[in-house]
Amino acid sequence: MVAFFCKIPIKEILLYPFGGISKFDMDLNAPSFLEFVLLIMGPIFQCFGYFFLIFCFPEKMDFIRTYHLSIFFFNLLPIYPLDGGKLFLLFLEKIFPYRLSFFIVLFCSYALLGIWFFFCSSYLLNTIGIFLLLLFFITREYQRIDIFYQKFLLERYLKNYSFSSCFLINHENSFYRGKRHLLRLQNEYYLEKDFLKKKYKND
């Protein structure tokens, strides 16, 4: 609903045992605040759904509460691609370069997923399925980091974004989200647009 009102095309909505994942046709350089609003609306609308179900089926309150809380808090774990993992990535992007932020969040996702599975109270088929599914997602995203980063840079080359702050960086893998850059490479300075123009024309 929020994506519709913000005129962001929805590519697909996938349903998994741990909840749904919505994929949007949105630039990787889109404003972080817009992505934050989209992410936070998932848990908020789940709460609306919870109260709606309680209103409709008050006799099943305990059953509905148990499932709501388990899905709600699991979804907020900082494991990518859960909402908590994506929110954690947005936080990291404020501190670290875009590519490095992905490495950090995926490393943490591997670690936290392993800890969650190790301390899980019941190794039911559903629990094992969620573990394997998330392990597959994390590994797939790790393998695609370079693809995402090239798309991130190519967007900046093809489109005219307006960023207020400017960073001096020393490597082409150190671009930040939401900032423009001045690159210092081998004692030569390049404006971001000039560097990207040279890079993609040579490629």
N, C-alpha and C. Protein backbone atom coordinates (compact mmCIF):
# COMPACT_ATOMS: atom_id res chain seq x y z
N MET A 1 0.82 -1.21 0.00
CA MET A 1 0.00 0.00 0.00
C MET A 1 0.86 1.26 0.00
N VAL A 2 1.90 1.26 0.83
CA VAL A 2 2.78 2.43 0.90
C VAL A 2 3.52 2.63 -0.42
N ALA A 3 3.99 1.52 -1.00
CA ALA A 3 4.68 1.61 -2.29
C ALA A 3 3.73 2.14 -3.37
N PHE A 4 2.49 1.72 -3.33
CA PHE A 4 1.50 2.19 -4.30
C PHE A 4 1.30 3.69 -4.18
N PHE A 5 1.15 4.19 -2.96
CA PHE A 5 0.92 5.62 -2.77
C PHE A 5 2.17 6.45 -3.07
N CYS A 6 3.36 5.83 -2.90
CA CYS A 6 4.61 6.52 -3.22
C CYS A 6 5.00 6.33 -4.68
N LYS A 7 4.14 5.64 -5.43
CA LYS A 7 4.34 5.39 -6.87
C LYS A 7 5.64 4.63 -7.13
N ILE A 8 5.90 3.64 -6.28
CA ILE A 8 7.05 2.76 -6.46
C ILE A 8 6.55 1.43 -7.02
N PRO A 9 6.96 1.05 -8.22
CA PRO A 9 6.48 -0.21 -8.81
C PRO A 9 6.85 -1.42 -7.95
N ILE A 10 5.92 -2.33 -7.80
CA ILE A 10 6.15 -3.56 -7.04
C ILE A 10 6.45 -4.68 -8.03
N LYS A 11 7.63 -5.28 -7.92
CA LYS A 11 8.02 -6.35 -8.84
C LYS A 11 7.33 -7.65 -8.48
N GLU A 12 7.35 -8.01 -7.20
CA GLU A 12 6.70 -9.25 -6.77
C GLU A 12 6.59 -9.26 -5.25
N ILE A 13 5.67 -10.08 -4.76
CA ILE A 13 5.51 -10.32 -3.33
C ILE A 13 5.60 -11.83 -3.12
N LEU A 14 6.59 -12.24 -2.34
CA LEU A 14 6.84 -13.66 -2.11
C LEU A 14 6.46 -14.02 -0.68
N LEU A 15 5.82 -15.15 -0.50
CA LEU A 15 5.41 -15.62 0.81
C LEU A 15 6.27 -16.80 1.24
N TYR A 16 6.84 -16.69 2.45
CA TYR A 16 7.70 -17.73 2.99
C TYR A 16 7.20 -18.09 4.39
N PRO A 17 7.75 -19.18 4.99
CA PRO A 17 7.30 -19.57 6.34
C PRO A 17 7.50 -18.49 7.39
N PHE A 18 8.49 -17.61 7.19
CA PHE A 18 8.75 -16.56 8.18
C PHE A 18 8.04 -15.25 7.83
N GLY A 19 7.24 -15.23 6.78
CA GLY A 19 6.51 -14.02 6.39
C GLY A 19 6.67 -13.73 4.91
N GLY A 20 6.35 -12.52 4.52
CA GLY A 20 6.41 -12.14 3.11
C GLY A 20 7.58 -11.22 2.83
N ILE A 21 8.08 -11.27 1.59
CA ILE A 21 9.13 -10.36 1.14
C ILE A 21 8.62 -9.64 -0.10
N SER A 22 8.58 -8.32 -0.03
CA SER A 22 8.16 -7.51 -1.17
C SER A 22 9.39 -6.98 -1.89
N LYS A 23 9.40 -7.09 -3.21
CA LYS A 23 10.51 -6.58 -4.02
C LYS A 23 10.01 -5.43 -4.86
N PHE A 24 10.73 -4.30 -4.79
CA PHE A 24 10.31 -3.08 -5.46
C PHE A 24 11.27 -2.74 -6.59
N ASP A 25 10.74 -2.11 -7.60
CA ASP A 25 11.56 -1.61 -8.71
C ASP A 25 12.03 -0.21 -8.35
N MET A 26 13.03 -0.16 -7.46
CA MET A 26 13.49 1.11 -6.90
C MET A 26 15.00 1.21 -7.07
N ASP A 27 15.48 2.41 -7.34
CA ASP A 27 16.92 2.62 -7.51
C ASP A 27 17.67 2.25 -6.23
N LEU A 28 18.87 1.72 -6.41
CA LEU A 28 19.74 1.46 -5.26
C LEU A 28 20.20 2.76 -4.63
N ASN A 29 20.15 3.86 -5.39
CA ASN A 29 20.52 5.18 -4.88
C ASN A 29 19.32 5.99 -4.40
N ALA A 30 18.18 5.35 -4.28
CA ALA A 30 16.98 6.05 -3.79
C ALA A 30 17.23 6.56 -2.37
N PRO A 31 16.51 7.60 -1.95
CA PRO A 31 16.71 8.12 -0.59
C PRO A 31 16.53 7.04 0.48
N SER A 32 17.45 7.02 1.43
CA SER A 32 17.39 6.03 2.51
C SER A 32 16.10 6.14 3.31
N PHE A 33 15.62 7.38 3.48
CA PHE A 33 14.41 7.58 4.27
C PHE A 33 13.21 6.90 3.62
N LEU A 34 13.14 6.95 2.29
CA LEU A 34 12.04 6.30 1.59
C LEU A 34 12.08 4.80 1.80
N GLU A 35 13.27 4.22 1.70
CA GLU A 35 13.39 2.78 1.94
C GLU A 35 13.08 2.43 3.39
N PHE A 36 13.47 3.30 4.32
CA PHE A 36 13.16 3.08 5.73
C PHE A 36 11.66 3.03 5.95
N VAL A 37 10.92 3.96 5.34
CA VAL A 37 9.46 3.99 5.48
C VAL A 37 8.85 2.70 4.95
N LEU A 38 9.31 2.26 3.78
CA LEU A 38 8.79 1.01 3.20
C LEU A 38 9.06 -0.18 4.12
N LEU A 39 10.25 -0.24 4.71
CA LEU A 39 10.60 -1.36 5.56
C LEU A 39 9.81 -1.36 6.86
N ILE A 40 9.70 -0.20 7.49
CA ILE A 40 9.06 -0.14 8.79
C ILE A 40 7.56 -0.37 8.70
N MET A 41 6.98 -0.13 7.52
CA MET A 41 5.54 -0.33 7.37
C MET A 41 5.15 -1.80 7.40
N GLY A 42 6.11 -2.70 7.08
CA GLY A 42 5.81 -4.13 7.18
C GLY A 42 5.43 -4.53 8.59
N PRO A 43 6.31 -4.31 9.59
CA PRO A 43 5.95 -4.62 10.97
C PRO A 43 4.74 -3.84 11.48
N ILE A 44 4.59 -2.58 11.05
CA ILE A 44 3.45 -1.78 11.51
C ILE A 44 2.14 -2.36 11.01
N PHE A 45 2.10 -2.72 9.73
CA PHE A 45 0.87 -3.30 9.19
C PHE A 45 0.61 -4.68 9.76
N GLN A 46 1.66 -5.40 10.15
CA GLN A 46 1.43 -6.68 10.82
C GLN A 46 0.72 -6.47 12.15
N CYS A 47 1.08 -5.40 12.85
CA CYS A 47 0.40 -5.08 14.11
C CYS A 47 -1.06 -4.73 13.86
N PHE A 48 -1.33 -3.99 12.79
CA PHE A 48 -2.73 -3.71 12.44
C PHE A 48 -3.49 -5.00 12.18
N GLY A 49 -2.84 -5.91 11.45
CA GLY A 49 -3.46 -7.20 11.17
C GLY A 49 -3.73 -8.00 12.44
N TYR A 50 -2.80 -7.91 13.37
CA TYR A 50 -2.96 -8.61 14.65
C TYR A 50 -4.20 -8.13 15.40
N PHE A 51 -4.34 -6.82 15.52
CA PHE A 51 -5.51 -6.28 16.23
C PHE A 51 -6.81 -6.57 15.47
N PHE A 52 -6.73 -6.59 14.15
CA PHE A 52 -7.92 -6.93 13.36
C PHE A 52 -8.36 -8.37 13.61
N LEU A 53 -7.38 -9.29 13.67
CA LEU A 53 -7.71 -10.69 13.92
C LEU A 53 -8.23 -10.89 15.34
N ILE A 54 -7.66 -10.17 16.29
CA ILE A 54 -8.15 -10.25 17.67
C ILE A 54 -9.60 -9.78 17.75
N PHE A 55 -9.90 -8.72 17.00
CA PHE A 55 -11.27 -8.20 16.98
C PHE A 55 -12.23 -9.22 16.37
N CYS A 56 -11.79 -9.89 15.30
CA CYS A 56 -12.66 -10.84 14.60
C CYS A 56 -12.77 -12.18 15.33
N PHE A 57 -11.68 -12.60 16.00
CA PHE A 57 -11.67 -13.92 16.65
C PHE A 57 -11.15 -13.79 18.08
N PRO A 58 -11.91 -13.13 18.96
CA PRO A 58 -11.43 -12.91 20.33
C PRO A 58 -11.19 -14.21 21.10
N GLU A 59 -11.90 -15.26 20.73
CA GLU A 59 -11.74 -16.54 21.43
C GLU A 59 -10.39 -17.20 21.13
N LYS A 60 -9.71 -16.77 20.08
CA LYS A 60 -8.41 -17.34 19.70
C LYS A 60 -7.27 -16.35 19.98
N MET A 61 -7.48 -15.48 20.96
CA MET A 61 -6.53 -14.42 21.25
C MET A 61 -5.14 -14.97 21.56
N ASP A 62 -5.04 -15.97 22.43
CA ASP A 62 -3.73 -16.51 22.81
C ASP A 62 -3.00 -17.11 21.62
N PHE A 63 -3.74 -17.84 20.80
CA PHE A 63 -3.15 -18.46 19.61
C PHE A 63 -2.62 -17.41 18.65
N ILE A 64 -3.43 -16.37 18.40
CA ILE A 64 -3.04 -15.30 17.46
C ILE A 64 -1.85 -14.52 18.02
N ARG A 65 -1.85 -14.23 19.32
CA ARG A 65 -0.77 -13.47 19.93
C ARG A 65 0.56 -14.22 19.82
N THR A 66 0.52 -15.53 20.08
CA THR A 66 1.74 -16.33 20.02
C THR A 66 2.38 -16.27 18.63
N TYR A 67 1.58 -16.47 17.61
CA TYR A 67 2.11 -16.46 16.25
C TYR A 67 2.53 -15.05 15.81
N HIS A 68 1.75 -14.07 16.23
CA HIS A 68 2.09 -12.68 15.87
C HIS A 68 3.44 -12.30 16.45
N LEU A 69 3.64 -12.54 17.75
CA LEU A 69 4.88 -12.13 18.40
C LEU A 69 6.08 -12.90 17.86
N SER A 70 5.91 -14.20 17.60
CA SER A 70 7.03 -14.99 17.10
C SER A 70 7.47 -14.50 15.72
N ILE A 71 6.52 -14.23 14.83
CA ILE A 71 6.86 -13.73 13.49
C ILE A 71 7.39 -12.30 13.58
N PHE A 72 6.76 -11.47 14.43
CA PHE A 72 7.14 -10.07 14.54
C PHE A 72 8.60 -9.92 14.97
N PHE A 73 8.98 -10.60 16.06
CA PHE A 73 10.34 -10.44 16.58
C PHE A 73 11.37 -11.17 15.72
N PHE A 74 10.98 -12.31 15.13
CA PHE A 74 11.91 -13.00 14.24
C PHE A 74 12.21 -12.13 13.03
N ASN A 75 11.20 -11.47 12.48
CA ASN A 75 11.38 -10.62 11.31
C ASN A 75 12.27 -9.43 11.59
N LEU A 76 12.35 -9.00 12.84
CA LEU A 76 13.18 -7.85 13.20
C LEU A 76 14.61 -8.23 13.59
N LEU A 77 14.94 -9.53 13.51
CA LEU A 77 16.34 -9.92 13.74
C LEU A 77 17.21 -9.33 12.63
N PRO A 78 18.41 -8.87 12.96
CA PRO A 78 19.29 -8.27 11.94
C PRO A 78 19.92 -9.31 11.03
N ILE A 79 19.05 -10.09 10.37
CA ILE A 79 19.48 -11.13 9.43
C ILE A 79 18.91 -10.78 8.07
N TYR A 80 19.76 -10.62 7.08
CA TYR A 80 19.32 -10.28 5.73
C TYR A 80 18.77 -11.53 5.05
N PRO A 81 17.60 -11.49 4.36
CA PRO A 81 16.84 -10.31 3.92
C PRO A 81 15.60 -10.01 4.77
N LEU A 82 15.61 -10.39 6.05
CA LEU A 82 14.50 -9.99 6.93
C LEU A 82 14.49 -8.47 7.07
N ASP A 83 13.34 -7.94 7.49
CA ASP A 83 13.24 -6.49 7.64
C ASP A 83 14.30 -5.95 8.61
N GLY A 84 14.57 -6.70 9.66
CA GLY A 84 15.60 -6.27 10.61
C GLY A 84 16.97 -6.19 9.96
N GLY A 85 17.27 -7.13 9.07
CA GLY A 85 18.54 -7.11 8.36
C GLY A 85 18.65 -5.93 7.41
N LYS A 86 17.55 -5.60 6.75
CA LYS A 86 17.55 -4.47 5.82
C LYS A 86 17.64 -3.14 6.58
N LEU A 87 17.00 -3.07 7.75
CA LEU A 87 17.12 -1.87 8.57
C LEU A 87 18.56 -1.73 9.09
N PHE A 88 19.16 -2.84 9.45
CA PHE A 88 20.56 -2.82 9.90
C PHE A 88 21.47 -2.35 8.77
N LEU A 89 21.19 -2.78 7.54
CA LEU A 89 21.98 -2.35 6.39
C LEU A 89 21.85 -0.84 6.18
N LEU A 90 20.64 -0.31 6.31
CA LEU A 90 20.45 1.14 6.17
C LEU A 90 21.27 1.90 7.20
N PHE A 91 21.34 1.37 8.42
CA PHE A 91 22.15 1.99 9.47
C PHE A 91 23.63 1.95 9.12
N LEU A 92 24.10 0.80 8.63
CA LEU A 92 25.51 0.66 8.27
C LEU A 92 25.90 1.60 7.13
N GLU A 93 24.97 1.81 6.19
CA GLU A 93 25.25 2.66 5.04
C GLU A 93 25.48 4.12 5.44
N LYS A 94 25.03 4.50 6.62
CA LYS A 94 25.29 5.86 7.12
C LYS A 94 26.72 6.01 7.63
N ILE A 95 27.38 4.87 7.88
CA ILE A 95 28.71 4.89 8.48
C ILE A 95 29.77 4.41 7.50
N PHE A 96 29.45 3.36 6.76
CA PHE A 96 30.44 2.70 5.91
C PHE A 96 30.08 2.85 4.44
N PRO A 97 31.05 2.63 3.54
CA PRO A 97 30.74 2.63 2.11
C PRO A 97 29.70 1.57 1.77
N TYR A 98 29.03 1.77 0.63
CA TYR A 98 27.91 0.92 0.24
C TYR A 98 28.31 -0.56 0.15
N ARG A 99 29.41 -0.84 -0.53
CA ARG A 99 29.84 -2.23 -0.74
C ARG A 99 30.25 -2.88 0.58
N LEU A 100 31.00 -2.16 1.39
CA LEU A 100 31.44 -2.69 2.68
C LEU A 100 30.26 -2.96 3.60
N SER A 101 29.24 -2.11 3.54
CA SER A 101 28.04 -2.30 4.36
C SER A 101 27.39 -3.64 4.07
N PHE A 102 27.35 -4.02 2.79
CA PHE A 102 26.78 -5.31 2.41
C PHE A 102 27.59 -6.45 3.00
N PHE A 103 28.92 -6.37 2.92
CA PHE A 103 29.77 -7.42 3.49
C PHE A 103 29.51 -7.57 4.99
N ILE A 104 29.40 -6.45 5.69
CA ILE A 104 29.21 -6.49 7.14
C ILE A 104 27.87 -7.12 7.49
N VAL A 105 26.80 -6.68 6.82
CA VAL A 105 25.48 -7.19 7.17
C VAL A 105 25.35 -8.67 6.83
N LEU A 106 25.98 -9.12 5.76
CA LEU A 106 25.89 -10.54 5.40
C LEU A 106 26.75 -11.39 6.35
N PHE A 107 27.91 -10.89 6.76
CA PHE A 107 28.72 -11.60 7.75
C PHE A 107 27.95 -11.74 9.06
N CYS A 108 27.33 -10.66 9.51
CA CYS A 108 26.52 -10.70 10.73
C CYS A 108 25.32 -11.63 10.57
N SER A 109 24.76 -11.66 9.37
CA SER A 109 23.60 -12.52 9.12
C SER A 109 23.99 -14.00 9.25
N TYR A 110 25.14 -14.37 8.68
CA TYR A 110 25.62 -15.75 8.84
C TYR A 110 25.76 -16.09 10.33
N ALA A 111 26.41 -15.19 11.07
CA ALA A 111 26.68 -15.45 12.49
C ALA A 111 25.39 -15.55 13.29
N LEU A 112 24.49 -14.60 13.12
CA LEU A 112 23.25 -14.58 13.90
C LEU A 112 22.33 -15.73 13.53
N LEU A 113 22.31 -16.09 12.25
CA LEU A 113 21.49 -17.23 11.84
C LEU A 113 22.00 -18.51 12.49
N GLY A 114 23.32 -18.66 12.53
CA GLY A 114 23.89 -19.83 13.20
C GLY A 114 23.58 -19.85 14.69
N ILE A 115 23.69 -18.70 15.35
CA ILE A 115 23.38 -18.61 16.78
C ILE A 115 21.91 -18.92 17.03
N TRP A 116 21.03 -18.36 16.20
CA TRP A 116 19.59 -18.62 16.35
C TRP A 116 19.29 -20.11 16.21
N PHE A 117 19.87 -20.73 15.21
CA PHE A 117 19.59 -22.15 14.98
C PHE A 117 20.19 -23.01 16.10
N PHE A 118 21.37 -22.63 16.60
CA PHE A 118 22.03 -23.40 17.66
C PHE A 118 21.20 -23.39 18.95
N PHE A 119 20.63 -22.22 19.28
CA PHE A 119 19.87 -22.10 20.52
C PHE A 119 18.37 -22.33 20.32
N CYS A 120 17.98 -22.71 19.12
CA CYS A 120 16.56 -22.94 18.87
C CYS A 120 16.07 -24.10 19.75
N SER A 121 14.91 -23.90 20.37
CA SER A 121 14.40 -24.90 21.33
C SER A 121 13.86 -26.15 20.66
N SER A 122 13.45 -26.04 19.39
CA SER A 122 12.87 -27.21 18.71
C SER A 122 13.34 -27.25 17.27
N TYR A 123 13.94 -28.37 16.88
CA TYR A 123 14.42 -28.55 15.51
C TYR A 123 13.35 -29.24 14.67
N LEU A 124 12.22 -28.56 14.54
CA LEU A 124 11.14 -29.08 13.72
C LEU A 124 11.46 -28.86 12.25
N LEU A 125 10.72 -29.54 11.38
CA LEU A 125 10.95 -29.42 9.95
C LEU A 125 10.81 -27.98 9.49
N ASN A 126 9.85 -27.24 10.07
CA ASN A 126 9.65 -25.85 9.71
C ASN A 126 10.86 -24.99 10.09
N THR A 127 11.42 -25.25 11.27
CA THR A 127 12.60 -24.51 11.73
C THR A 127 13.80 -24.78 10.83
N ILE A 128 14.02 -26.04 10.50
CA ILE A 128 15.14 -26.40 9.62
C ILE A 128 14.93 -25.79 8.23
N GLY A 129 13.67 -25.78 7.76
CA GLY A 129 13.38 -25.19 6.46
C GLY A 129 13.67 -23.70 6.43
N ILE A 130 13.30 -22.98 7.50
CA ILE A 130 13.57 -21.54 7.58
C ILE A 130 15.08 -21.29 7.61
N PHE A 131 15.80 -22.10 8.38
CA PHE A 131 17.26 -21.95 8.46
C PHE A 131 17.91 -22.13 7.09
N LEU A 132 17.54 -23.20 6.38
CA LEU A 132 18.12 -23.46 5.07
C LEU A 132 17.74 -22.40 4.05
N LEU A 133 16.49 -21.92 4.13
CA LEU A 133 16.03 -20.90 3.19
C LEU A 133 16.80 -19.60 3.39
N LEU A 134 16.95 -19.17 4.64
CA LEU A 134 17.69 -17.95 4.91
C LEU A 134 19.17 -18.10 4.59
N LEU A 135 19.72 -19.29 4.84
CA LEU A 135 21.11 -19.55 4.48
C LEU A 135 21.31 -19.42 2.97
N PHE A 136 20.34 -19.91 2.21
CA PHE A 136 20.39 -19.79 0.75
C PHE A 136 20.33 -18.33 0.33
N PHE A 137 19.41 -17.54 0.93
CA PHE A 137 19.27 -16.12 0.59
C PHE A 137 20.56 -15.35 0.89
N ILE A 138 21.13 -15.58 2.06
CA ILE A 138 22.34 -14.86 2.45
C ILE A 138 23.49 -15.19 1.49
N THR A 139 23.66 -16.47 1.18
CA THR A 139 24.72 -16.89 0.27
C THR A 139 24.52 -16.31 -1.12
N ARG A 140 23.28 -16.31 -1.58
CA ARG A 140 23.00 -15.75 -2.91
C ARG A 140 23.33 -14.26 -2.96
N GLU A 141 22.96 -13.53 -1.91
CA GLU A 141 23.25 -12.10 -1.88
C GLU A 141 24.76 -11.86 -1.81
N TYR A 142 25.47 -12.71 -1.09
CA TYR A 142 26.93 -12.58 -1.01
C TYR A 142 27.55 -12.75 -2.39
N GLN A 143 27.06 -13.69 -3.15
CA GLN A 143 27.60 -13.94 -4.49
C GLN A 143 27.27 -12.82 -5.46
N ARG A 144 26.26 -12.02 -5.14
CA ARG A 144 25.82 -10.97 -6.06
C ARG A 144 26.25 -9.57 -5.63
N ILE A 145 27.13 -9.45 -4.64
CA ILE A 145 27.55 -8.14 -4.14
C ILE A 145 28.15 -7.30 -5.26
N ASP A 146 29.05 -7.89 -6.05
CA ASP A 146 29.70 -7.12 -7.11
C ASP A 146 28.69 -6.66 -8.17
N ILE A 147 27.70 -7.49 -8.45
CA ILE A 147 26.67 -7.11 -9.43
C ILE A 147 25.87 -5.92 -8.91
N PHE A 148 25.46 -6.00 -7.65
CA PHE A 148 24.70 -4.89 -7.06
C PHE A 148 25.53 -3.61 -7.04
N TYR A 149 26.82 -3.75 -6.73
CA TYR A 149 27.65 -2.55 -6.64
C TYR A 149 27.84 -1.90 -8.01
N GLN A 150 28.00 -2.72 -9.05
CA GLN A 150 28.12 -2.16 -10.39
C GLN A 150 26.83 -1.46 -10.81
N LYS A 151 25.69 -2.05 -10.43
CA LYS A 151 24.41 -1.40 -10.71
C LYS A 151 24.31 -0.08 -9.96
N PHE A 152 24.77 -0.08 -8.73
CA PHE A 152 24.79 1.12 -7.88
C PHE A 152 25.59 2.24 -8.54
N LEU A 153 26.78 1.89 -9.07
CA LEU A 153 27.62 2.89 -9.74
C LEU A 153 27.04 3.31 -11.08
N LEU A 154 26.50 2.36 -11.82
CA LEU A 154 25.95 2.67 -13.14
C LEU A 154 24.75 3.61 -13.03
N GLU A 155 23.94 3.44 -12.00
CA GLU A 155 22.83 4.37 -11.77
C GLU A 155 23.35 5.79 -11.58
N ARG A 156 24.43 5.92 -10.85
CA ARG A 156 24.99 7.25 -10.58
C ARG A 156 25.57 7.86 -11.85
N TYR A 157 26.03 7.01 -12.76
CA TYR A 157 26.57 7.50 -14.03
C TYR A 157 25.45 7.93 -14.97
N LEU A 158 24.36 7.17 -15.01
CA LEU A 158 23.30 7.42 -15.98
C LEU A 158 22.29 8.46 -15.51
N LYS A 159 22.15 8.63 -14.20
CA LYS A 159 21.12 9.52 -13.67
C LYS A 159 21.76 10.67 -12.90
N ASN A 160 21.02 11.74 -12.79
CA ASN A 160 21.51 12.93 -12.09
C ASN A 160 20.89 13.00 -10.70
N TYR A 161 21.61 12.46 -9.74
CA TYR A 161 21.17 12.55 -8.35
C TYR A 161 21.73 13.83 -7.72
N SER A 162 20.99 14.31 -6.75
CA SER A 162 21.42 15.52 -6.05
C SER A 162 21.71 15.17 -4.59
N PHE A 163 22.99 15.12 -4.25
CA PHE A 163 23.40 14.81 -2.88
C PHE A 163 24.07 16.03 -2.28
N SER A 164 23.74 16.33 -1.04
CA SER A 164 24.21 17.56 -0.41
C SER A 164 25.66 17.45 0.06
N SER A 165 26.05 16.30 0.62
CA SER A 165 27.39 16.17 1.18
C SER A 165 28.34 15.50 0.20
N CYS A 166 29.63 15.81 0.35
CA CYS A 166 30.66 15.29 -0.55
C CYS A 166 31.75 14.62 0.28
N PHE A 167 32.22 13.45 -0.19
CA PHE A 167 33.27 12.70 0.49
C PHE A 167 34.48 12.56 -0.42
N LEU A 168 35.66 12.63 0.18
CA LEU A 168 36.90 12.33 -0.53
C LEU A 168 37.21 10.86 -0.30
N ILE A 169 37.35 10.09 -1.38
CA ILE A 169 37.62 8.66 -1.26
C ILE A 169 38.86 8.31 -2.08
N ASN A 170 39.46 7.17 -1.73
CA ASN A 170 40.72 6.76 -2.37
C ASN A 170 40.59 5.49 -3.19
N HIS A 171 39.38 4.97 -3.33
CA HIS A 171 39.21 3.73 -4.09
C HIS A 171 37.82 3.70 -4.69
N GLU A 172 37.69 3.09 -5.85
CA GLU A 172 36.39 3.08 -6.53
C GLU A 172 35.38 2.18 -5.83
N ASN A 173 35.83 1.33 -4.90
CA ASN A 173 34.90 0.50 -4.12
C ASN A 173 34.43 1.18 -2.85
N SER A 174 34.76 2.46 -2.68
CA SER A 174 34.45 3.16 -1.43
C SER A 174 33.32 4.18 -1.57
N PHE A 175 32.50 4.05 -2.61
CA PHE A 175 31.38 4.97 -2.77
C PHE A 175 30.35 4.78 -1.65
N TYR A 176 29.82 5.89 -1.17
CA TYR A 176 28.79 5.89 -0.15
C TYR A 176 27.42 6.11 -0.78
N ARG A 177 26.42 5.61 -0.13
CA ARG A 177 25.06 5.90 -0.55
C ARG A 177 24.65 7.27 -0.03
N GLY A 178 23.98 8.04 -0.88
CA GLY A 178 23.47 9.34 -0.47
C GLY A 178 24.51 10.43 -0.41
N LYS A 179 25.70 10.21 -0.98
CA LYS A 179 26.76 11.22 -0.98
C LYS A 179 27.40 11.27 -2.37
N ARG A 180 27.91 12.45 -2.72
CA ARG A 180 28.71 12.54 -3.93
C ARG A 180 30.18 12.49 -3.54
N HIS A 181 31.06 12.26 -4.52
CA HIS A 181 32.43 11.93 -4.17
C HIS A 181 33.46 12.68 -5.02
N LEU A 182 34.58 12.89 -4.40
CA LEU A 182 35.79 13.32 -5.09
C LEU A 182 36.80 12.20 -4.89
N LEU A 183 37.32 11.66 -5.98
CA LEU A 183 38.22 10.52 -5.90
C LEU A 183 39.68 10.96 -6.06
N ARG A 184 40.52 10.42 -5.19
CA ARG A 184 41.96 10.65 -5.31
C ARG A 184 42.60 9.31 -5.64
N LEU A 185 43.05 9.16 -6.88
CA LEU A 185 43.64 7.92 -7.36
C LEU A 185 45.02 8.21 -7.93
N GLN A 186 46.05 7.62 -7.32
CA GLN A 186 47.42 7.81 -7.77
C GLN A 186 47.78 9.30 -7.90
N ASN A 187 47.44 10.04 -6.83
CA ASN A 187 47.74 11.48 -6.73
C ASN A 187 47.03 12.33 -7.77
N GLU A 188 45.99 11.79 -8.38
CA GLU A 188 45.15 12.56 -9.29
C GLU A 188 43.74 12.60 -8.73
N TYR A 189 43.08 13.73 -8.95
CA TYR A 189 41.73 13.92 -8.41
C TYR A 189 40.71 13.87 -9.55
N TYR A 190 39.59 13.20 -9.27
CA TYR A 190 38.52 13.07 -10.26
C TYR A 190 37.18 13.40 -9.60
N LEU A 191 36.38 14.19 -10.29
CA LEU A 191 35.00 14.33 -9.88
C LEU A 191 34.28 13.01 -10.15
N GLU A 192 33.27 12.74 -9.36
CA GLU A 192 32.57 11.45 -9.47
C GLU A 192 32.08 11.18 -10.89
N LYS A 193 31.42 12.14 -11.50
CA LYS A 193 30.88 11.96 -12.85
C LYS A 193 31.99 11.70 -13.86
N ASP A 194 33.09 12.42 -13.72
CA ASP A 194 34.20 12.22 -14.65
C ASP A 194 34.81 10.83 -14.51
N PHE A 195 34.94 10.38 -13.27
CA PHE A 195 35.50 9.05 -13.05
C PHE A 195 34.59 7.97 -13.62
N LEU A 196 33.29 8.08 -13.36
CA LEU A 196 32.34 7.06 -13.85
C LEU A 196 32.24 7.08 -15.37
N LYS A 197 32.33 8.28 -15.94
CA LYS A 197 32.30 8.37 -17.41
C LYS A 197 33.51 7.66 -18.00
N LYS A 198 34.67 7.88 -17.41
CA LYS A 198 35.89 7.22 -17.88
C LYS A 198 35.80 5.71 -17.68
N LYS A 199 35.28 5.30 -16.54
CA LYS A 199 35.19 3.87 -16.21
C LYS A 199 34.29 3.13 -17.19
N TYR A 200 33.09 3.64 -17.43
CA TYR A 200 32.13 2.89 -18.25
C TYR A 200 32.39 3.06 -19.74
N LYS A 201 33.03 4.12 -20.14
CA LYS A 201 33.41 4.22 -21.54
C LYS A 201 34.54 3.27 -21.86
N ASN A 202 35.46 3.10 -20.90
CA ASN A 202 36.55 2.14 -21.10
C ASN A 202 36.04 0.71 -21.08
N ASP A 203 35.05 0.45 -20.19
CA ASP A 203 34.48 -0.90 -20.10
C ASP A 203 33.70 -1.25 -21.35
